[in-house]
Amino acid sequence: MPVLATGLVVVLGAAAWVTVSVVNRKAACEQPVNVLVTASADIAPALTIVARGLDLPCGAVEVQTREATQAAERLALSDGSPRPQVWVPDSTLALRRAHQLGAADVPETGASVASSPVVLGVA
């Protein structure tokens, strides 16, 4: 659980940093900065809770739920639709899949932000 919390803080901290950096460059909030985060269904609720608690003065973090295969395909498309600034897939395999589909700006590997215990049952 501490790994999950640390990962959430890192991901949303980066989103907050981007927002605050842009806001600090301008005296007034002329254009709010919105950060789009795409995450798998198992992690999106936790990211949403953290995003709500950020209290950003001139921007917002929107968390959308999308399965890794759908997100990988969408990142590979160049159809002009909004792309997430942050993607939290459920596996690093999804990064390779997105890269194979043509998403050149997606790394083939990445750091894990959470992990789950493996339980081995032997009969």
PDB file of N, CA and C in Angstrom:
ATOM      1  N   MET A   1       0.801  -1.195   0.000  1.00  0.00           N
ATOM      2  CA  MET A   1       0.000   0.000   0.000  1.00  0.00           C
ATOM      3  C   MET A   1       0.852   1.271   0.000  1.00  0.00           C
ATOM      4  N   PRO A   2       2.004   1.295   0.741  1.00  0.00           N
ATOM      5  CA  PRO A   2       2.840   2.499   0.682  1.00  0.00           C
ATOM      6  C   PRO A   2       3.357   2.769  -0.730  1.00  0.00           C
ATOM      7  N   VAL A   3       3.598   1.706  -1.495  1.00  0.00           N
ATOM      8  CA  VAL A   3       4.083   1.893  -2.864  1.00  0.00           C
ATOM      9  C   VAL A   3       3.001   2.557  -3.702  1.00  0.00           C
ATOM     10  N   LEU A   4       1.761   2.123  -3.519  1.00  0.00           N
ATOM     11  CA  LEU A   4       0.641   2.722  -4.246  1.00  0.00           C
ATOM     12  C   LEU A   4       0.500   4.198  -3.891  1.00  0.00           C
ATOM     13  N   ALA A   5       0.567   4.501  -2.613  1.00  0.00           N
ATOM     14  CA  ALA A   5       0.439   5.897  -2.188  1.00  0.00           C
ATOM     15  C   ALA A   5       1.569   6.743  -2.750  1.00  0.00           C
ATOM     16  N   THR A   6       2.777   6.219  -2.716  1.00  0.00           N
ATOM     17  CA  THR A   6       3.919   6.950  -3.263  1.00  0.00           C
ATOM     18  C   THR A   6       3.741   7.177  -4.752  1.00  0.00           C
ATOM     19  N   GLY A   7       3.296   6.150  -5.456  1.00  0.00           N
ATOM     20  CA  GLY A   7       3.077   6.278  -6.896  1.00  0.00           C
ATOM     21  C   GLY A   7       2.029   7.321  -7.222  1.00  0.00           C
ATOM     22  N   LEU A   8       0.948   7.315  -6.464  1.00  0.00           N
ATOM     23  CA  LEU A   8      -0.113   8.295  -6.693  1.00  0.00           C
ATOM     24  C   LEU A   8       0.397   9.711  -6.458  1.00  0.00           C
ATOM     25  N   VAL A   9       1.174   9.882  -5.406  1.00  0.00           N
ATOM     26  CA  VAL A   9       1.725  11.205  -5.112  1.00  0.00           C
ATOM     27  C   VAL A   9       2.648  11.660  -6.231  1.00  0.00           C
ATOM     28  N   VAL A  10       3.476  10.746  -6.745  1.00  0.00           N
ATOM     29  CA  VAL A  10       4.411  11.102  -7.817  1.00  0.00           C
ATOM     30  C   VAL A  10       3.657  11.511  -9.077  1.00  0.00           C
ATOM     31  N   VAL A  11       2.690  10.698  -9.494  1.00  0.00           N
ATOM     32  CA  VAL A  11       1.949  10.977 -10.730  1.00  0.00           C
ATOM     33  C   VAL A  11       1.166  12.286 -10.619  1.00  0.00           C
ATOM     34  N   LEU A  12       0.411  12.428  -9.559  1.00  0.00           N
ATOM     35  CA  LEU A  12      -0.395  13.636  -9.431  1.00  0.00           C
ATOM     36  C   LEU A  12       0.445  14.841  -9.024  1.00  0.00           C
ATOM     37  N   GLY A  13       1.566  14.596  -8.369  1.00  0.00           N
ATOM     38  CA  GLY A  13       2.492  15.690  -8.080  1.00  0.00           C
ATOM     39  C   GLY A  13       3.050  16.275  -9.362  1.00  0.00           C
ATOM     40  N   ALA A  14       3.364  15.396 -10.318  1.00  0.00           N
ATOM     41  CA  ALA A  14       3.856  15.868 -11.618  1.00  0.00           C
ATOM     42  C   ALA A  14       2.781  16.688 -12.325  1.00  0.00           C
ATOM     43  N   ALA A  15       1.544  16.216 -12.258  1.00  0.00           N
ATOM     44  CA  ALA A  15       0.449  16.958 -12.886  1.00  0.00           C
ATOM     45  C   ALA A  15       0.267  18.319 -12.208  1.00  0.00           C
ATOM     46  N   ALA A  16       0.354  18.346 -10.893  1.00  0.00           N
ATOM     47  CA  ALA A  16       0.224  19.613 -10.172  1.00  0.00           C
ATOM     48  C   ALA A  16       1.384  20.547 -10.493  1.00  0.00           C
ATOM     49  N   TRP A  17       2.579  19.998 -10.599  1.00  0.00           N
ATOM     50  CA  TRP A  17       3.755  20.813 -10.922  1.00  0.00           C
ATOM     51  C   TRP A  17       3.590  21.482 -12.278  1.00  0.00           C
ATOM     52  N   VAL A  18       3.099  20.724 -13.272  1.00  0.00           N
ATOM     53  CA  VAL A  18       2.871  21.304 -14.601  1.00  0.00           C
ATOM     54  C   VAL A  18       1.870  22.448 -14.496  1.00  0.00           C
ATOM     55  N   THR A  19       0.797  22.213 -13.781  1.00  0.00           N
ATOM     56  CA  THR A  19      -0.232  23.239 -13.631  1.00  0.00           C
ATOM     57  C   THR A  19       0.310  24.478 -12.929  1.00  0.00           C
ATOM     58  N   VAL A  20       0.989  24.292 -11.818  1.00  0.00           N
ATOM     59  CA  VAL A  20       1.518  25.422 -11.053  1.00  0.00           C
ATOM     60  C   VAL A  20       2.582  26.169 -11.849  1.00  0.00           C
ATOM     61  N   SER A  21       3.420  25.458 -12.582  1.00  0.00           N
ATOM     62  CA  SER A  21       4.459  26.107 -13.392  1.00  0.00           C
ATOM     63  C   SER A  21       3.846  27.042 -14.420  1.00  0.00           C
ATOM     64  N   VAL A  22       2.807  26.589 -15.076  1.00  0.00           N
ATOM     65  CA  VAL A  22       2.161  27.417 -16.092  1.00  0.00           C
ATOM     66  C   VAL A  22       1.442  28.595 -15.438  1.00  0.00           C
ATOM     67  N   VAL A  23       0.788  28.350 -14.327  1.00  0.00           N
ATOM     68  CA  VAL A  23       0.051  29.407 -13.633  1.00  0.00           C
ATOM     69  C   VAL A  23       1.006  30.487 -13.125  1.00  0.00           C
ATOM     70  N   ASN A  24       2.144  30.102 -12.599  1.00  0.00           N
ATOM     71  CA  ASN A  24       3.098  31.071 -12.050  1.00  0.00           C
ATOM     72  C   ASN A  24       3.720  31.958 -13.115  1.00  0.00           C
ATOM     73  N   ARG A  25       3.713  31.534 -14.356  1.00  0.00           N
ATOM     74  CA  ARG A  25       4.265  32.349 -15.433  1.00  0.00           C
ATOM     75  C   ARG A  25       3.367  33.531 -15.763  1.00  0.00           C
ATOM     76  N   LYS A  26       2.091  33.433 -15.456  1.00  0.00           N
ATOM     77  CA  LYS A  26       1.135  34.486 -15.784  1.00  0.00           C
ATOM     78  C   LYS A  26       0.649  35.126 -14.493  1.00  0.00           C
ATOM     79  N   ALA A  27       0.487  36.439 -14.524  1.00  0.00           N
ATOM     80  CA  ALA A  27       0.017  37.148 -13.334  1.00  0.00           C
ATOM     81  C   ALA A  27      -1.423  36.771 -13.008  1.00  0.00           C
ATOM     82  N   ALA A  28      -2.249  36.678 -14.007  1.00  0.00           N
ATOM     83  CA  ALA A  28      -3.654  36.335 -13.806  1.00  0.00           C
ATOM     84  C   ALA A  28      -3.930  34.976 -14.438  1.00  0.00           C
ATOM     85  N   CYS A  29      -4.988  34.379 -14.009  1.00  0.00           N
ATOM     86  CA  CYS A  29      -5.365  33.076 -14.546  1.00  0.00           C
ATOM     87  C   CYS A  29      -6.185  33.288 -15.809  1.00  0.00           C
ATOM     88  N   GLU A  30      -5.493  33.580 -16.885  1.00  0.00           N
ATOM     89  CA  GLU A  30      -6.167  33.840 -18.150  1.00  0.00           C
ATOM     90  C   GLU A  30      -6.671  32.555 -18.794  1.00  0.00           C
ATOM     91  N   GLN A  31      -5.851  31.529 -18.727  1.00  0.00           N
ATOM     92  CA  GLN A  31      -6.229  30.243 -19.308  1.00  0.00           C
ATOM     93  C   GLN A  31      -5.944  29.141 -18.299  1.00  0.00           C
ATOM     94  N   PRO A  32      -6.977  28.571 -17.719  1.00  0.00           N
ATOM     95  CA  PRO A  32      -6.745  27.487 -16.772  1.00  0.00           C
ATOM     96  C   PRO A  32      -6.058  26.306 -17.463  1.00  0.00           C
ATOM     97  N   VAL A  33      -5.216  25.641 -16.726  1.00  0.00           N
ATOM     98  CA  VAL A  33      -4.499  24.481 -17.250  1.00  0.00           C
ATOM     99  C   VAL A  33      -5.202  23.228 -16.754  1.00  0.00           C
ATOM    100  N   ASN A  34      -5.622  22.406 -17.680  1.00  0.00           N
ATOM    101  CA  ASN A  34      -6.267  21.152 -17.338  1.00  0.00           C
ATOM    102  C   ASN A  34      -5.352  20.010 -17.730  1.00  0.00           C
ATOM    103  N   VAL A  35      -5.120  19.108 -16.789  1.00  0.00           N
ATOM    104  CA  VAL A  35      -4.272  17.949 -17.024  1.00  0.00           C
ATOM    105  C   VAL A  35      -5.176  16.733 -17.130  1.00  0.00           C
ATOM    106  N   LEU A  36      -5.072  16.034 -18.250  1.00  0.00           N
ATOM    107  CA  LEU A  36      -5.873  14.839 -18.483  1.00  0.00           C
ATOM    108  C   LEU A  36      -5.046  13.613 -18.127  1.00  0.00           C
ATOM    109  N   VAL A  37      -5.561  12.815 -17.198  1.00  0.00           N
ATOM    110  CA  VAL A  37      -4.906  11.589 -16.755  1.00  0.00           C
ATOM    111  C   VAL A  37      -5.776  10.420 -17.183  1.00  0.00           C
ATOM    112  N   THR A  38      -5.187   9.474 -17.897  1.00  0.00           N
ATOM    113  CA  THR A  38      -5.892   8.252 -18.271  1.00  0.00           C
ATOM    114  C   THR A  38      -5.320   7.116 -17.445  1.00  0.00           C
ATOM    115  N   ALA A  39      -6.206   6.348 -16.831  1.00  0.00           N
ATOM    116  CA  ALA A  39      -5.755   5.264 -15.962  1.00  0.00           C
ATOM    117  C   ALA A  39      -6.654   4.053 -16.126  1.00  0.00           C
ATOM    118  N   SER A  40      -6.108   2.900 -15.783  1.00  0.00           N
ATOM    119  CA  SER A  40      -6.901   1.678 -15.836  1.00  0.00           C
ATOM    120  C   SER A  40      -7.928   1.701 -14.701  1.00  0.00           C
ATOM    121  N   ALA A  41      -8.948   0.880 -14.834  1.00  0.00           N
ATOM    122  CA  ALA A  41     -10.086   0.909 -13.915  1.00  0.00           C
ATOM    123  C   ALA A  41      -9.702   0.615 -12.470  1.00  0.00           C
ATOM    124  N   ASP A  42      -8.656  -0.154 -12.252  1.00  0.00           N
ATOM    125  CA  ASP A  42      -8.298  -0.501 -10.881  1.00  0.00           C
ATOM    126  C   ASP A  42      -7.600   0.633 -10.132  1.00  0.00           C
ATOM    127  N   ILE A  43      -6.979   1.566 -10.825  1.00  0.00           N
ATOM    128  CA  ILE A  43      -6.240   2.649 -10.163  1.00  0.00           C
ATOM    129  C   ILE A  43      -6.932   4.007 -10.299  1.00  0.00           C
ATOM    130  N   ALA A  44      -7.833   4.153 -11.265  1.00  0.00           N
ATOM    131  CA  ALA A  44      -8.493   5.445 -11.513  1.00  0.00           C
ATOM    132  C   ALA A  44      -9.241   6.000 -10.296  1.00  0.00           C
ATOM    133  N   PRO A  45      -9.968   5.192  -9.528  1.00  0.00           N
ATOM    134  CA  PRO A  45     -10.667   5.766  -8.367  1.00  0.00           C
ATOM    135  C   PRO A  45      -9.710   6.407  -7.350  1.00  0.00           C
ATOM    136  N   ALA A  46      -8.587   5.770  -7.102  1.00  0.00           N
ATOM    137  CA  ALA A  46      -7.614   6.336  -6.159  1.00  0.00           C
ATOM    138  C   ALA A  46      -7.016   7.628  -6.708  1.00  0.00           C
ATOM    139  N   LEU A  47      -6.720   7.656  -8.003  1.00  0.00           N
ATOM    140  CA  LEU A  47      -6.185   8.867  -8.619  1.00  0.00           C
ATOM    141  C   LEU A  47      -7.201  10.005  -8.562  1.00  0.00           C
ATOM    142  N   THR A  48      -8.467   9.683  -8.733  1.00  0.00           N
ATOM    143  CA  THR A  48      -9.526  10.692  -8.674  1.00  0.00           C
ATOM    144  C   THR A  48      -9.606  11.318  -7.286  1.00  0.00           C
ATOM    145  N   ILE A  49      -9.495  10.502  -6.255  1.00  0.00           N
ATOM    146  CA  ILE A  49      -9.532  11.014  -4.879  1.00  0.00           C
ATOM    147  C   ILE A  49      -8.363  11.963  -4.629  1.00  0.00           C
ATOM    148  N   VAL A  50      -7.180  11.564  -5.075  1.00  0.00           N
ATOM    149  CA  VAL A  50      -6.002  12.417  -4.890  1.00  0.00           C
ATOM    150  C   VAL A  50      -6.150  13.708  -5.690  1.00  0.00           C
ATOM    151  N   ALA A  51      -6.663  13.612  -6.916  1.00  0.00           N
ATOM    152  CA  ALA A  51      -6.825  14.797  -7.766  1.00  0.00           C
ATOM    153  C   ALA A  51      -7.789  15.798  -7.139  1.00  0.00           C
ATOM    154  N   ARG A  52      -8.859  15.312  -6.529  1.00  0.00           N
ATOM    155  CA  ARG A  52      -9.829  16.202  -5.886  1.00  0.00           C
ATOM    156  C   ARG A  52      -9.209  16.981  -4.730  1.00  0.00           C
ATOM    157  N   GLY A  53      -8.235  16.388  -4.077  1.00  0.00           N
ATOM    158  CA  GLY A  53      -7.619  17.033  -2.926  1.00  0.00           C
ATOM    159  C   GLY A  53      -6.508  18.009  -3.269  1.00  0.00           C
ATOM    160  N   LEU A  54      -6.198  18.212  -4.541  1.00  0.00           N
ATOM    161  CA  LEU A  54      -5.085  19.078  -4.919  1.00  0.00           C
ATOM    162  C   LEU A  54      -5.373  20.562  -4.751  1.00  0.00           C
ATOM    163  N   ASP A  55      -6.602  21.000  -4.893  1.00  0.00           N
ATOM    164  CA  ASP A  55      -6.983  22.402  -4.750  1.00  0.00           C
ATOM    165  C   ASP A  55      -6.097  23.314  -5.599  1.00  0.00           C
ATOM    166  N   LEU A  56      -6.149  23.118  -6.898  1.00  0.00           N
ATOM    167  CA  LEU A  56      -5.339  23.908  -7.825  1.00  0.00           C
ATOM    168  C   LEU A  56      -6.016  25.248  -8.087  1.00  0.00           C
ATOM    169  N   PRO A  57      -5.279  26.358  -7.990  1.00  0.00           N
ATOM    170  CA  PRO A  57      -5.883  27.677  -8.134  1.00  0.00           C
ATOM    171  C   PRO A  57      -6.323  28.016  -9.556  1.00  0.00           C
ATOM    172  N   CYS A  58      -5.661  27.469 -10.542  1.00  0.00           N
ATOM    173  CA  CYS A  58      -5.987  27.847 -11.918  1.00  0.00           C
ATOM    174  C   CYS A  58      -5.855  26.640 -12.840  1.00  0.00           C
ATOM    175  N   GLY A  59      -6.553  25.597 -12.511  1.00  0.00           N
ATOM    176  CA  GLY A  59      -6.482  24.410 -13.340  1.00  0.00           C
ATOM    177  C   GLY A  59      -7.180  23.251 -12.665  1.00  0.00           C
ATOM    178  N   ALA A  60      -7.153  22.133 -13.344  1.00  0.00           N
ATOM    179  CA  ALA A  60      -7.811  20.949 -12.816  1.00  0.00           C
ATOM    180  C   ALA A  60      -7.135  19.703 -13.359  1.00  0.00           C
ATOM    181  N   VAL A  61      -7.321  18.627 -12.630  1.00  0.00           N
ATOM    182  CA  VAL A  61      -6.849  17.323 -13.076  1.00  0.00           C
ATOM    183  C   VAL A  61      -8.083  16.479 -13.324  1.00  0.00           C
ATOM    184  N   GLU A  62      -8.225  16.003 -14.541  1.00  0.00           N
ATOM    185  CA  GLU A  62      -9.352  15.136 -14.900  1.00  0.00           C
ATOM    186  C   GLU A  62      -8.815  13.724 -15.085  1.00  0.00           C
ATOM    187  N   VAL A  63      -9.396  12.779 -14.357  1.00  0.00           N
ATOM    188  CA  VAL A  63      -8.990  11.381 -14.464  1.00  0.00           C
ATOM    189  C   VAL A  63     -10.057  10.641 -15.245  1.00  0.00           C
ATOM    190  N   GLN A  64      -9.658  10.025 -16.345  1.00  0.00           N
ATOM    191  CA  GLN A  64     -10.592   9.220 -17.126  1.00  0.00           C
ATOM    192  C   GLN A  64     -10.160   7.757 -17.047  1.00  0.00           C
ATOM    193  N   THR A  65     -11.152   6.884 -17.015  1.00  0.00           N
ATOM    194  CA  THR A  65     -10.889   5.452 -16.948  1.00  0.00           C
ATOM    195  C   THR A  65     -10.890   4.882 -18.354  1.00  0.00           C
ATOM    196  N   ARG A  66      -9.842   4.165 -18.655  1.00  0.00           N
ATOM    197  CA  ARG A  66      -9.749   3.517 -19.959  1.00  0.00           C
ATOM    198  C   ARG A  66      -8.870   2.281 -19.802  1.00  0.00           C
ATOM    199  N   GLU A  67      -9.330   1.163 -20.335  1.00  0.00           N
ATOM    200  CA  GLU A  67      -8.518  -0.052 -20.286  1.00  0.00           C
ATOM    201  C   GLU A  67      -7.231   0.162 -21.064  1.00  0.00           C
ATOM    202  N   ALA A  68      -6.192  -0.547 -20.669  1.00  0.00           N
ATOM    203  CA  ALA A  68      -4.859  -0.339 -21.239  1.00  0.00           C
ATOM    204  C   ALA A  68      -4.829  -0.537 -22.750  1.00  0.00           C
ATOM    205  N   THR A  69      -5.541  -1.539 -23.255  1.00  0.00           N
ATOM    206  CA  THR A  69      -5.514  -1.774 -24.702  1.00  0.00           C
ATOM    207  C   THR A  69      -6.177  -0.627 -25.455  1.00  0.00           C
ATOM    208  N   GLN A  70      -7.288  -0.118 -24.923  1.00  0.00           N
ATOM    209  CA  GLN A  70      -7.955   1.026 -25.553  1.00  0.00           C
ATOM    210  C   GLN A  70      -7.083   2.274 -25.495  1.00  0.00           C
ATOM    211  N   ALA A  71      -6.447   2.500 -24.357  1.00  0.00           N
ATOM    212  CA  ALA A  71      -5.578   3.669 -24.221  1.00  0.00           C
ATOM    213  C   ALA A  71      -4.383   3.569 -25.162  1.00  0.00           C
ATOM    214  N   ALA A  72      -3.807   2.379 -25.286  1.00  0.00           N
ATOM    215  CA  ALA A  72      -2.656   2.187 -26.181  1.00  0.00           C
ATOM    216  C   ALA A  72      -3.049   2.484 -27.621  1.00  0.00           C
ATOM    217  N   GLU A  73      -4.212   1.992 -28.035  1.00  0.00           N
ATOM    218  CA  GLU A  73      -4.678   2.246 -29.400  1.00  0.00           C
ATOM    219  C   GLU A  73      -4.941   3.736 -29.617  1.00  0.00           C
ATOM    220  N   ARG A  74      -5.540   4.393 -28.630  1.00  0.00           N
ATOM    221  CA  ARG A  74      -5.853   5.821 -28.756  1.00  0.00           C
ATOM    222  C   ARG A  74      -4.584   6.672 -28.811  1.00  0.00           C
ATOM    223  N   LEU A  75      -3.576   6.295 -28.045  1.00  0.00           N
ATOM    224  CA  LEU A  75      -2.313   7.036 -28.061  1.00  0.00           C
ATOM    225  C   LEU A  75      -1.589   6.879 -29.391  1.00  0.00           C
ATOM    226  N   ALA A  76      -1.826   5.769 -30.066  1.00  0.00           N
ATOM    227  CA  ALA A  76      -1.174   5.531 -31.354  1.00  0.00           C
ATOM    228  C   ALA A  76      -1.866   6.284 -32.490  1.00  0.00           C
ATOM    229  N   LEU A  77      -3.122   6.693 -32.285  1.00  0.00           N
ATOM    230  CA  LEU A  77      -3.861   7.411 -33.324  1.00  0.00           C
ATOM    231  C   LEU A  77      -3.435   8.870 -33.400  1.00  0.00           C
ATOM    232  N   SER A  78      -3.510   9.413 -34.566  1.00  0.00           N
ATOM    233  CA  SER A  78      -3.253  10.842 -34.760  1.00  0.00           C
ATOM    234  C   SER A  78      -4.504  11.484 -35.343  1.00  0.00           C
ATOM    235  N   ASP A  79      -5.628  11.305 -34.652  1.00  0.00           N
ATOM    236  CA  ASP A  79      -6.899  11.800 -35.178  1.00  0.00           C
ATOM    237  C   ASP A  79      -7.284  13.173 -34.629  1.00  0.00           C
ATOM    238  N   GLY A  80      -6.408  13.793 -33.858  1.00  0.00           N
ATOM    239  CA  GLY A  80      -6.687  15.117 -33.330  1.00  0.00           C
ATOM    240  C   GLY A  80      -7.464  15.128 -32.029  1.00  0.00           C
ATOM    241  N   SER A  81      -7.853  13.972 -31.532  1.00  0.00           N
ATOM    242  CA  SER A  81      -8.582  13.936 -30.267  1.00  0.00           C
ATOM    243  C   SER A  81      -7.621  14.229 -29.111  1.00  0.00           C
ATOM    244  N   PRO A  82      -8.151  14.732 -28.000  1.00  0.00           N
ATOM    245  CA  PRO A  82      -7.283  15.071 -26.867  1.00  0.00           C
ATOM    246  C   PRO A  82      -6.538  13.840 -26.350  1.00  0.00           C
ATOM    247  N   ARG A  83      -5.245  14.007 -26.148  1.00  0.00           N
ATOM    248  CA  ARG A  83      -4.416  12.922 -25.622  1.00  0.00           C
ATOM    249  C   ARG A  83      -4.100  13.216 -24.160  1.00  0.00           C
ATOM    250  N   PRO A  84      -4.024  12.187 -23.349  1.00  0.00           N
ATOM    251  CA  PRO A  84      -3.703  12.431 -21.940  1.00  0.00           C
ATOM    252  C   PRO A  84      -2.260  12.900 -21.769  1.00  0.00           C
ATOM    253  N   GLN A  85      -2.052  13.766 -20.788  1.00  0.00           N
ATOM    254  CA  GLN A  85      -0.693  14.171 -20.449  1.00  0.00           C
ATOM    255  C   GLN A  85      -0.031  13.125 -19.552  1.00  0.00           C
ATOM    256  N   VAL A  86      -0.864  12.370 -18.833  1.00  0.00           N
ATOM    257  CA  VAL A  86      -0.377  11.315 -17.944  1.00  0.00           C
ATOM    258  C   VAL A  86      -1.174  10.058 -18.235  1.00  0.00           C
ATOM    259  N   TRP A  87      -0.470   8.926 -18.363  1.00  0.00           N
ATOM    260  CA  TRP A  87      -1.131   7.633 -18.565  1.00  0.00           C
ATOM    261  C   TRP A  87      -0.621   6.682 -17.502  1.00  0.00           C
ATOM    262  N   VAL A  88      -1.545   6.070 -16.761  1.00  0.00           N
ATOM    263  CA  VAL A  88      -1.196   5.089 -15.738  1.00  0.00           C
ATOM    264  C   VAL A  88      -1.837   3.763 -16.135  1.00  0.00           C
ATOM    265  N   PRO A  89      -1.134   2.954 -16.943  1.00  0.00           N
ATOM    266  CA  PRO A  89      -1.687   1.658 -17.336  1.00  0.00           C
ATOM    267  C   PRO A  89      -1.552   0.653 -16.199  1.00  0.00           C
ATOM    268  N   ASP A  90      -2.254  -0.463 -16.323  1.00  0.00           N
ATOM    269  CA  ASP A  90      -2.185  -1.476 -15.276  1.00  0.00           C
ATOM    270  C   ASP A  90      -0.955  -2.374 -15.402  1.00  0.00           C
ATOM    271  N   SER A  91      -0.208  -2.233 -16.472  1.00  0.00           N
ATOM    272  CA  SER A  91       0.974  -3.067 -16.674  1.00  0.00           C
ATOM    273  C   SER A  91       1.953  -2.354 -17.600  1.00  0.00           C
ATOM    274  N   THR A  92       3.237  -2.610 -17.410  1.00  0.00           N
ATOM    275  CA  THR A  92       4.227  -2.034 -18.319  1.00  0.00           C
ATOM    276  C   THR A  92       4.137  -2.666 -19.703  1.00  0.00           C
ATOM    277  N   LEU A  93       3.467  -3.808 -19.803  1.00  0.00           N
ATOM    278  CA  LEU A  93       3.257  -4.424 -21.119  1.00  0.00           C
ATOM    279  C   LEU A  93       2.437  -3.506 -22.025  1.00  0.00           C
ATOM    280  N   ALA A  94       1.548  -2.723 -21.434  1.00  0.00           N
ATOM    281  CA  ALA A  94       0.727  -1.795 -22.218  1.00  0.00           C
ATOM    282  C   ALA A  94       1.585  -0.717 -22.866  1.00  0.00           C
ATOM    283  N   LEU A  95       2.667  -0.326 -22.215  1.00  0.00           N
ATOM    284  CA  LEU A  95       3.581   0.657 -22.808  1.00  0.00           C
ATOM    285  C   LEU A  95       4.192   0.106 -24.086  1.00  0.00           C
ATOM    286  N   ARG A  96       4.647  -1.139 -24.015  1.00  0.00           N
ATOM    287  CA  ARG A  96       5.227  -1.767 -25.213  1.00  0.00           C
ATOM    288  C   ARG A  96       4.190  -1.887 -26.317  1.00  0.00           C
ATOM    289  N   ARG A  97       2.968  -2.231 -25.937  1.00  0.00           N
ATOM    290  CA  ARG A  97       1.887  -2.370 -26.920  1.00  0.00           C
ATOM    291  C   ARG A  97       1.624  -1.030 -27.610  1.00  0.00           C
ATOM    292  N   ALA A  98       1.545   0.039 -26.846  1.00  0.00           N
ATOM    293  CA  ALA A  98       1.311   1.364 -27.429  1.00  0.00           C
ATOM    294  C   ALA A  98       2.454   1.748 -28.359  1.00  0.00           C
ATOM    295  N   HIS A  99       3.666   1.457 -27.938  1.00  0.00           N
ATOM    296  CA  HIS A  99       4.832   1.774 -28.769  1.00  0.00           C
ATOM    297  C   HIS A  99       4.795   0.975 -30.071  1.00  0.00           C
ATOM    298  N   GLN A 100       4.416  -0.300 -29.982  1.00  0.00           N
ATOM    299  CA  GLN A 100       4.325  -1.153 -31.176  1.00  0.00           C
ATOM    300  C   GLN A 100       3.238  -0.668 -32.129  1.00  0.00           C
ATOM    301  N   LEU A 101       2.178  -0.095 -31.586  1.00  0.00           N
ATOM    302  CA  LEU A 101       1.082   0.406 -32.419  1.00  0.00           C
ATOM    303  C   LEU A 101       1.415   1.733 -33.090  1.00  0.00           C
ATOM    304  N   GLY A 102       2.534   2.345 -32.683  1.00  0.00           N
ATOM    305  CA  GLY A 102       2.946   3.581 -33.339  1.00  0.00           C
ATOM    306  C   GLY A 102       2.961   4.814 -32.461  1.00  0.00           C
ATOM    307  N   ALA A 103       2.724   4.671 -31.181  1.00  0.00           N
ATOM    308  CA  ALA A 103       2.778   5.817 -30.271  1.00  0.00           C
ATOM    309  C   ALA A 103       4.242   6.082 -29.935  1.00  0.00           C
ATOM    310  N   ALA A 104       4.908   6.843 -30.794  1.00  0.00           N
ATOM    311  CA  ALA A 104       6.354   7.058 -30.663  1.00  0.00           C
ATOM    312  C   ALA A 104       6.728   7.830 -29.408  1.00  0.00           C
ATOM    313  N   ASP A 105       5.824   8.653 -28.885  1.00  0.00           N
ATOM    314  CA  ASP A 105       6.153   9.438 -27.697  1.00  0.00           C
ATOM    315  C   ASP A 105       5.898   8.693 -26.387  1.00  0.00           C
ATOM    316  N   VAL A 106       5.482   7.435 -26.482  1.00  0.00           N
ATOM    317  CA  VAL A 106       5.273   6.606 -25.301  1.00  0.00           C
ATOM    318  C   VAL A 106       6.514   5.738 -25.114  1.00  0.00           C
ATOM    319  N   PRO A 107       7.103   5.741 -23.929  1.00  0.00           N
ATOM    320  CA  PRO A 107       8.288   4.903 -23.718  1.00  0.00           C
ATOM    321  C   PRO A 107       7.927   3.423 -23.735  1.00  0.00           C
ATOM    322  N   GLU A 108       8.888   2.592 -24.099  1.00  0.00           N
ATOM    323  CA  GLU A 108       8.635   1.147 -24.119  1.00  0.00           C
ATOM    324  C   GLU A 108       8.615   0.555 -22.717  1.00  0.00           C
ATOM    325  N   THR A 109       9.291   1.187 -21.796  1.00  0.00           N
ATOM    326  CA  THR A 109       9.294   0.727 -20.407  1.00  0.00           C
ATOM    327  C   THR A 109       9.041   1.922 -19.508  1.00  0.00           C
ATOM    328  N   GLY A 110       8.656   1.646 -18.296  1.00  0.00           N
ATOM    329  CA  GLY A 110       8.398   2.726 -17.356  1.00  0.00           C
ATOM    330  C   GLY A 110       8.512   2.228 -15.933  1.00  0.00           C
ATOM    331  N   ALA A 111       8.450   3.143 -15.006  1.00  0.00           N
ATOM    332  CA  ALA A 111       8.528   2.800 -13.588  1.00  0.00           C
ATOM    333  C   ALA A 111       7.143   2.428 -13.071  1.00  0.00           C
ATOM    334  N   SER A 112       7.090   1.420 -12.241  1.00  0.00           N
ATOM    335  CA  SER A 112       5.827   1.017 -11.631  1.00  0.00           C
ATOM    336  C   SER A 112       5.470   1.984 -10.516  1.00  0.00           C
ATOM    337  N   VAL A 113       4.203   2.369 -10.456  1.00  0.00           N
ATOM    338  CA  VAL A 113       3.740   3.259  -9.398  1.00  0.00           C
ATOM    339  C   VAL A 113       2.993   2.491  -8.314  1.00  0.00           C
ATOM    340  N   ALA A 114       2.716   1.222  -8.560  1.00  0.00           N
ATOM    341  CA  ALA A 114       2.024   0.397  -7.575  1.00  0.00           C
ATOM    342  C   ALA A 114       2.332  -1.064  -7.861  1.00  0.00           C
ATOM    343  N   SER A 115       2.084  -1.882  -6.877  1.00  0.00           N
ATOM    344  CA  SER A 115       2.259  -3.321  -7.079  1.00  0.00           C
ATOM    345  C   SER A 115       1.232  -4.043  -6.229  1.00  0.00           C
ATOM    346  N   SER A 116       0.990  -5.279  -6.572  1.00  0.00           N
ATOM    347  CA  SER A 116       0.070  -6.082  -5.791  1.00  0.00           C
ATOM    348  C   SER A 116       0.792  -7.365  -5.394  1.00  0.00           C
ATOM    349  N   PRO A 117       0.468  -7.884  -4.238  1.00  0.00           N
ATOM    350  CA  PRO A 117       1.155  -9.093  -3.790  1.00  0.00           C
ATOM    351  C   PRO A 117       0.731 -10.298  -4.622  1.00  0.00           C
ATOM    352  N   VAL A 118       1.643 -11.210  -4.779  1.00  0.00           N
ATOM    353  CA  VAL A 118       1.360 -12.449  -5.485  1.00  0.00           C
ATOM    354  C   VAL A 118       1.123 -13.528  -4.440  1.00  0.00           C
ATOM    355  N   VAL A 119       0.032 -14.237  -4.580  1.00  0.00           N
ATOM    356  CA  VAL A 119      -0.281 -15.317  -3.656  1.00  0.00           C
ATOM    357  C   VAL A 119      -0.223 -16.615  -4.431  1.00  0.00           C
ATOM    358  N   LEU A 120       0.542 -17.545  -3.934  1.00  0.00           N
ATOM    359  CA  LEU A 120       0.700 -18.839  -4.590  1.00  0.00           C
ATOM    360  C   LEU A 120       0.058 -19.890  -3.710  1.00  0.00           C
ATOM    361  N   GLY A 121      -0.953 -20.543  -4.240  1.00  0.00           N
ATOM    362  CA  GLY A 121      -1.614 -21.605  -3.503  1.00  0.00           C
ATOM    363  C   GLY A 121      -1.183 -22.958  -4.048  1.00  0.00           C
ATOM    364  N   VAL A 122      -0.754 -23.815  -3.177  1.00  0.00           N
ATOM    365  CA  VAL A 122      -0.300 -25.143  -3.585  1.00  0.00           C
ATOM    366  C   VAL A 122      -1.182 -26.173  -2.903  1.00  0.00           C
ATOM    367  N   ALA A 123      -1.706 -27.087  -3.699  1.00  0.00           N
ATOM    368  CA  ALA A 123      -2.568 -28.129  -3.125  1.00  0.00           C
ATOM    369  C   ALA A 123      -1.854 -29.449  -3.074  1.00  0.00           C
TER     370      ALA A 123
END
